[in-house]
Amino acid sequence: MTTLKIPTMAELMANGETADILFWVGCAGSYDERAQHITRDICKILHHVGIKYAILGTEESCTGDPAKRAGNEFLFQMQAMANIQVLDGYEVKKIVTACPHCFNTIKNEYPDLGGHYEVIHHTQLIQQLIDEGKLKAAGGESFKGRRITYHDPCYLGRGNGVYEAPRKALESLDAQLVEMKHCRSNGLCCGAGGAQMFKEPEKGTKDINVERVEEAIEARAEIIAAACPFCMTMLRDGVKAKEKEQEMEVLDIAEITARANGL
């Protein structure tokens, strides 16, 4: 495995350099073992195309999204203002993140507290790099003819209207893109949003993530493409609950892209 040297904003500043883009890793991308694979693949993609980027490292804190969704506005504002202070200290202009929750919060809620940045999701960056010819599905794993279905994360799709970028990134693979019953603006939540990720579900007849995986099974998908670390956890749990681990894989679009490009 190649060793990735990922610079921090502090290191670049110490050398009198700046980054073109800040990669906001997020709590899941930093601490969740499964999401760490996505983080590494995004870094591999950024290295591969020669984008000068950096992370905040230990200076990065939670955006405050779970606190806000759970109703603790005070804690959210404290976390947000601390982050804005750090971002402005490094004169950050452009941010890319793999988490739709971080994406939505920094893009739409930080401006009210004085934090103004251009924020893009990693699927938008990947699509842009494919359009520019910097990423070509060559030299790596072939996804030709494989049935892939894409699950729209709530904060990316319905929350911010990003439907095409992830699909276009998948279309470049020559795979067979199949849609689930609920997709795009009629998408179905994975069950983790609104800080539900951190608690047990309310009593009911079926968990949402199981319902979602049943739709993927109905679409005869071999791969469920995700674009959110929360969705990744919920979908994998759903696949496990349906005992489909041998027939169905859950992969982030960054992982699929990295594999296809032989990174």
Protein backbone atom coordinates (compact mmCIF):
# COMPACT_ATOMS: atom_id res chain seq x y z
CA MET A 1 0.00 0.00 0.00
CA THR A 2 1.40 3.38 -1.00
CA THR A 3 1.99 5.81 1.83
CA LEU A 4 -0.04 8.96 1.45
CA LYS A 5 1.52 12.19 2.64
CA ILE A 6 -1.42 14.40 3.44
CA PRO A 7 -0.45 17.96 4.34
CA THR A 8 -2.25 20.05 6.95
CA MET A 9 -3.08 23.72 6.50
CA ALA A 10 -0.72 24.51 9.39
CA GLU A 11 2.19 22.76 7.63
CA LEU A 12 1.54 24.60 4.37
CA MET A 13 1.29 27.94 6.17
CA ALA A 14 4.57 27.26 7.97
CA ASN A 15 6.19 26.80 4.54
CA GLY A 16 4.58 29.96 3.20
CA GLU A 17 2.29 27.94 0.90
CA THR A 18 -1.46 27.81 0.41
CA ALA A 19 -3.84 25.06 -0.73
CA ASP A 20 -6.24 25.39 -3.66
CA ILE A 21 -8.81 23.35 -1.80
CA LEU A 22 -9.41 22.31 1.80
CA PHE A 23 -10.54 18.71 2.24
CA TRP A 24 -12.99 18.70 5.16
CA VAL A 25 -12.70 15.13 6.42
CA GLY A 26 -15.58 15.11 8.93
CA CYS A 27 -16.02 13.00 12.07
CA ALA A 28 -17.01 9.81 10.23
CA GLY A 29 -14.18 10.15 7.71
CA SER A 30 -11.72 10.60 10.59
CA TYR A 31 -12.89 8.06 13.15
CA ASP A 32 -15.15 5.48 11.48
CA GLU A 33 -13.02 2.58 10.23
CA ARG A 34 -15.16 2.01 7.13
CA ALA A 35 -15.36 5.72 6.24
CA GLN A 36 -11.55 6.04 6.57
CA HIS A 37 -11.26 4.00 3.34
CA ILE A 38 -13.35 6.67 1.57
CA THR A 39 -11.12 9.43 3.01
CA ARG A 40 -8.00 7.68 1.71
CA ASP A 41 -9.49 7.18 -1.76
CA ILE A 42 -10.44 10.86 -2.03
CA CYS A 43 -6.85 11.77 -1.12
CA LYS A 44 -5.58 9.31 -3.77
CA ILE A 45 -7.83 10.98 -6.37
CA LEU A 46 -6.65 14.48 -5.37
CA HIS A 47 -2.99 13.33 -5.55
CA HIS A 48 -3.58 11.61 -8.90
CA VAL A 49 -5.01 14.74 -10.59
CA GLY A 50 -2.47 17.06 -8.98
CA ILE A 51 -4.83 19.28 -6.99
CA LYS A 52 -2.99 21.11 -4.21
CA TYR A 53 -5.04 20.36 -1.13
CA ALA A 54 -4.71 20.14 2.63
CA ILE A 55 -6.70 19.09 5.67
CA LEU A 56 -7.08 20.78 9.06
CA GLY A 57 -6.01 17.67 10.97
CA THR A 58 -6.44 18.07 14.72
CA GLU A 59 -7.76 21.60 14.21
CA GLU A 60 -10.90 20.23 12.55
CA SER A 61 -13.91 19.81 14.83
CA CYS A 62 -17.45 18.52 14.25
CA THR A 63 -19.48 20.95 12.11
CA GLY A 64 -22.23 20.85 14.72
CA ASP A 65 -24.77 19.17 12.44
CA PRO A 66 -25.79 16.36 14.86
CA ALA A 67 -26.17 18.88 17.71
CA LYS A 68 -28.38 21.15 15.59
CA ARG A 69 -30.56 18.29 14.29
CA ALA A 70 -30.98 17.00 17.84
CA GLY A 71 -32.19 20.46 18.88
CA ASN A 72 -29.13 21.87 20.65
CA GLU A 73 -28.75 25.16 18.75
CA PHE A 74 -26.41 26.60 21.39
CA LEU A 75 -23.89 23.76 21.01
CA PHE A 76 -24.18 23.98 17.21
CA GLN A 77 -23.32 27.69 17.20
CA MET A 78 -20.37 27.14 19.55
CA GLN A 79 -18.93 24.43 17.30
CA ALA A 80 -19.64 26.36 14.11
CA MET A 81 -18.06 29.60 15.32
CA ALA A 82 -14.93 27.79 16.48
CA ASN A 83 -14.62 26.17 13.03
CA ILE A 84 -15.24 29.46 11.20
CA GLN A 85 -12.46 31.08 13.23
CA VAL A 86 -10.02 28.33 12.15
CA LEU A 87 -11.14 28.41 8.49
CA ASP A 88 -10.90 32.19 8.29
CA GLY A 89 -7.50 32.10 10.00
CA TYR A 90 -6.23 30.06 7.04
CA GLU A 91 -8.17 32.22 4.55
CA VAL A 92 -9.96 29.15 3.20
CA LYS A 93 -12.03 29.85 0.09
CA LYS A 94 -12.95 26.42 -1.29
CA ILE A 95 -13.90 23.27 0.62
CA VAL A 96 -14.57 19.71 -0.57
CA THR A 97 -16.16 17.16 1.74
CA ALA A 98 -17.36 13.55 1.50
CA CYS A 99 -20.15 14.05 4.03
CA PRO A 100 -23.46 15.58 2.86
CA HIS A 101 -24.17 16.63 6.45
CA CYS A 102 -20.92 18.65 6.62
CA PHE A 103 -21.56 19.88 3.06
CA ASN A 104 -25.05 21.15 3.89
CA THR A 105 -24.07 22.71 7.21
CA ILE A 106 -20.98 24.60 6.01
CA LYS A 107 -22.64 25.64 2.73
CA ASN A 108 -26.06 26.70 4.01
CA GLU A 109 -25.79 27.37 7.74
CA TYR A 110 -22.31 28.78 8.30
CA PRO A 111 -23.02 31.96 6.23
CA ASP A 112 -25.54 33.07 8.92
CA LEU A 113 -22.67 32.99 11.42
CA GLY A 114 -20.20 34.77 9.13
CA GLY A 115 -18.58 31.77 7.43
CA HIS A 116 -18.68 32.20 3.63
CA TYR A 117 -17.02 29.50 1.52
CA GLU A 118 -17.44 27.70 -1.79
CA VAL A 119 -18.42 24.20 -0.71
CA ILE A 120 -18.58 21.20 -3.04
CA HIS A 121 -19.32 17.54 -2.44
CA HIS A 122 -16.74 14.96 -3.50
CA THR A 123 -19.12 13.52 -6.13
CA GLN A 124 -19.30 16.97 -7.77
CA LEU A 125 -15.50 17.20 -7.80
CA ILE A 126 -15.19 13.69 -9.27
CA GLN A 127 -17.71 14.48 -12.01
CA GLN A 128 -15.87 17.71 -12.81
CA LEU A 129 -12.54 15.86 -13.05
CA ILE A 130 -14.10 13.23 -15.35
CA ASP A 131 -15.53 16.01 -17.57
CA GLU A 132 -12.08 17.64 -17.75
CA GLY A 133 -10.55 14.30 -18.77
CA LYS A 134 -8.35 14.15 -15.67
CA LEU A 135 -10.01 10.96 -14.43
CA LYS A 136 -10.52 8.11 -16.89
CA ALA A 137 -11.96 4.74 -15.95
CA ALA A 138 -8.89 2.90 -17.20
CA GLY A 139 -6.08 0.81 -15.79
CA GLY A 140 -8.11 -0.38 -12.84
CA GLU A 141 -11.03 -2.64 -11.99
CA SER A 142 -13.65 -2.93 -14.73
CA PHE A 143 -17.24 -2.29 -13.76
CA LYS A 144 -18.47 -3.00 -17.31
CA GLY A 145 -21.93 -4.52 -17.31
CA ARG A 146 -22.20 -4.63 -13.50
CA ARG A 147 -25.54 -3.55 -12.08
CA ILE A 148 -25.04 -0.49 -9.88
CA THR A 149 -27.78 1.41 -8.09
CA TYR A 150 -27.21 4.81 -6.51
CA HIS A 151 -28.73 5.80 -3.17
CA ASP A 152 -29.44 9.55 -2.92
CA PRO A 153 -28.35 10.94 0.48
CA CYS A 154 -31.04 13.30 1.86
CA TYR A 155 -28.75 16.30 2.36
CA LEU A 156 -27.19 15.93 -1.07
CA GLY A 157 -30.29 15.20 -3.10
CA ARG A 158 -33.46 16.68 -1.66
CA GLY A 159 -31.54 19.08 0.56
CA ASN A 160 -29.29 20.60 -2.12
CA GLY A 161 -30.55 19.31 -5.47
CA VAL A 162 -27.38 17.38 -6.34
CA TYR A 163 -28.70 14.43 -8.37
CA GLU A 164 -26.74 14.41 -11.62
CA ALA A 165 -23.07 14.58 -10.51
CA PRO A 166 -23.00 11.20 -8.71
CA ARG A 167 -24.90 9.50 -11.54
CA LYS A 168 -22.64 10.98 -14.23
CA ALA A 169 -19.59 9.75 -12.30
CA LEU A 170 -21.07 6.24 -12.37
CA GLU A 171 -22.14 6.47 -16.03
CA SER A 172 -18.48 6.92 -17.04
CA LEU A 173 -17.79 3.37 -15.83
CA ASP A 174 -19.76 1.66 -18.60
CA ALA A 175 -21.70 -0.08 -15.85
CA GLN A 176 -25.42 -0.75 -15.91
CA LEU A 177 -26.99 1.98 -13.80
CA VAL A 178 -30.33 0.87 -12.35
CA GLU A 179 -32.65 3.02 -10.25
CA MET A 180 -34.47 1.94 -7.11
CA LYS A 181 -38.20 2.51 -6.71
CA HIS A 182 -37.54 5.63 -4.60
CA CYS A 183 -34.87 7.83 -6.18
CA ARG A 184 -33.92 11.44 -6.89
CA SER A 185 -36.46 13.89 -5.35
CA ASN A 186 -38.54 10.89 -4.27
CA GLY A 187 -35.54 9.29 -2.53
CA LEU A 188 -35.80 7.34 0.68
CA CYS A 189 -33.77 8.24 3.78
CA CYS A 190 -31.30 5.59 4.98
CA GLY A 191 -32.57 6.14 8.52
CA ALA A 192 -29.54 7.93 9.99
CA GLY A 193 -30.41 11.61 9.48
CA GLY A 194 -31.56 14.04 12.15
CA ALA A 195 -29.07 12.53 14.63
CA GLN A 196 -30.97 9.19 14.43
CA MET A 197 -27.57 7.63 13.70
CA PHE A 198 -26.68 7.89 17.38
CA LYS A 199 -29.75 6.23 18.90
CA GLU A 200 -31.87 3.14 18.56
CA PRO A 201 -34.87 3.48 16.22
CA GLU A 202 -38.37 3.96 17.60
CA LYS A 203 -40.52 0.86 17.81
CA GLY A 204 -42.05 -0.13 14.48
CA THR A 205 -42.47 -3.01 12.08
CA LYS A 206 -39.38 -2.49 9.92
CA ASP A 207 -36.17 -0.43 9.94
CA ILE A 208 -35.84 2.10 7.10
CA ASN A 209 -32.42 0.80 6.03
CA VAL A 210 -33.86 -2.72 5.59
CA GLU A 211 -36.68 -1.28 3.44
CA ARG A 212 -34.06 0.56 1.37
CA VAL A 213 -31.93 -2.53 0.81
CA GLU A 214 -35.06 -4.46 -0.21
CA GLU A 215 -35.51 -1.87 -2.98
CA ALA A 216 -31.90 -2.46 -4.10
CA ILE A 217 -32.54 -6.24 -4.13
CA GLU A 218 -35.69 -5.61 -6.20
CA ALA A 219 -33.53 -3.64 -8.69
CA ARG A 220 -31.18 -6.68 -8.83
CA ALA A 221 -28.22 -4.45 -7.99
CA GLU A 222 -24.79 -5.96 -7.38
CA ILE A 223 -23.39 -2.71 -5.99
CA ILE A 224 -25.14 -0.02 -3.98
CA ALA A 225 -23.26 3.23 -4.59
CA ALA A 226 -23.29 5.59 -1.62
CA ALA A 227 -22.09 9.16 -1.23
CA CYS A 228 -22.43 9.65 2.54
CA PRO A 229 -20.69 7.90 5.46
CA PHE A 230 -23.96 7.73 7.43
CA CYS A 231 -25.73 6.07 4.49
CA MET A 232 -22.77 3.71 4.12
CA THR A 233 -23.22 2.42 7.69
CA MET A 234 -27.00 2.07 7.40
CA LEU A 235 -26.93 0.38 3.99
CA ARG A 236 -24.25 -2.08 5.07
CA ASP A 237 -26.32 -2.94 8.15
CA GLY A 238 -29.34 -3.42 5.88
CA VAL A 239 -27.40 -5.74 3.56
CA LYS A 240 -26.26 -7.70 6.62
CA ALA A 241 -29.84 -7.93 7.95
CA LYS A 242 -30.98 -9.37 4.60
CA GLU A 243 -27.95 -11.75 4.56
CA LYS A 244 -26.88 -10.49 1.12
CA GLU A 245 -23.20 -9.79 1.90
CA GLN A 246 -22.02 -12.30 -0.72
CA GLU A 247 -24.18 -10.92 -3.54
CA MET A 248 -24.20 -7.19 -2.80
CA GLU A 249 -21.47 -4.66 -2.05
CA VAL A 250 -21.87 -1.13 -0.68
CA LEU A 251 -19.22 1.24 -2.04
CA ASP A 252 -18.77 4.99 -1.99
CA ILE A 253 -18.48 6.73 -5.37
CA ALA A 254 -14.91 7.76 -4.43
CA GLU A 255 -13.99 4.10 -3.85
CA ILE A 256 -15.57 3.03 -7.15
CA THR A 257 -13.74 5.86 -8.98
CA ALA A 258 -10.40 5.03 -7.35
CA ARG A 259 -10.78 1.34 -8.20
CA ALA A 260 -11.76 2.08 -11.82
CA ASN A 261 -8.73 4.35 -12.23
CA GLY A 262 -6.33 1.85 -10.69
CA LEU A 263 -5.44 4.09 -7.75
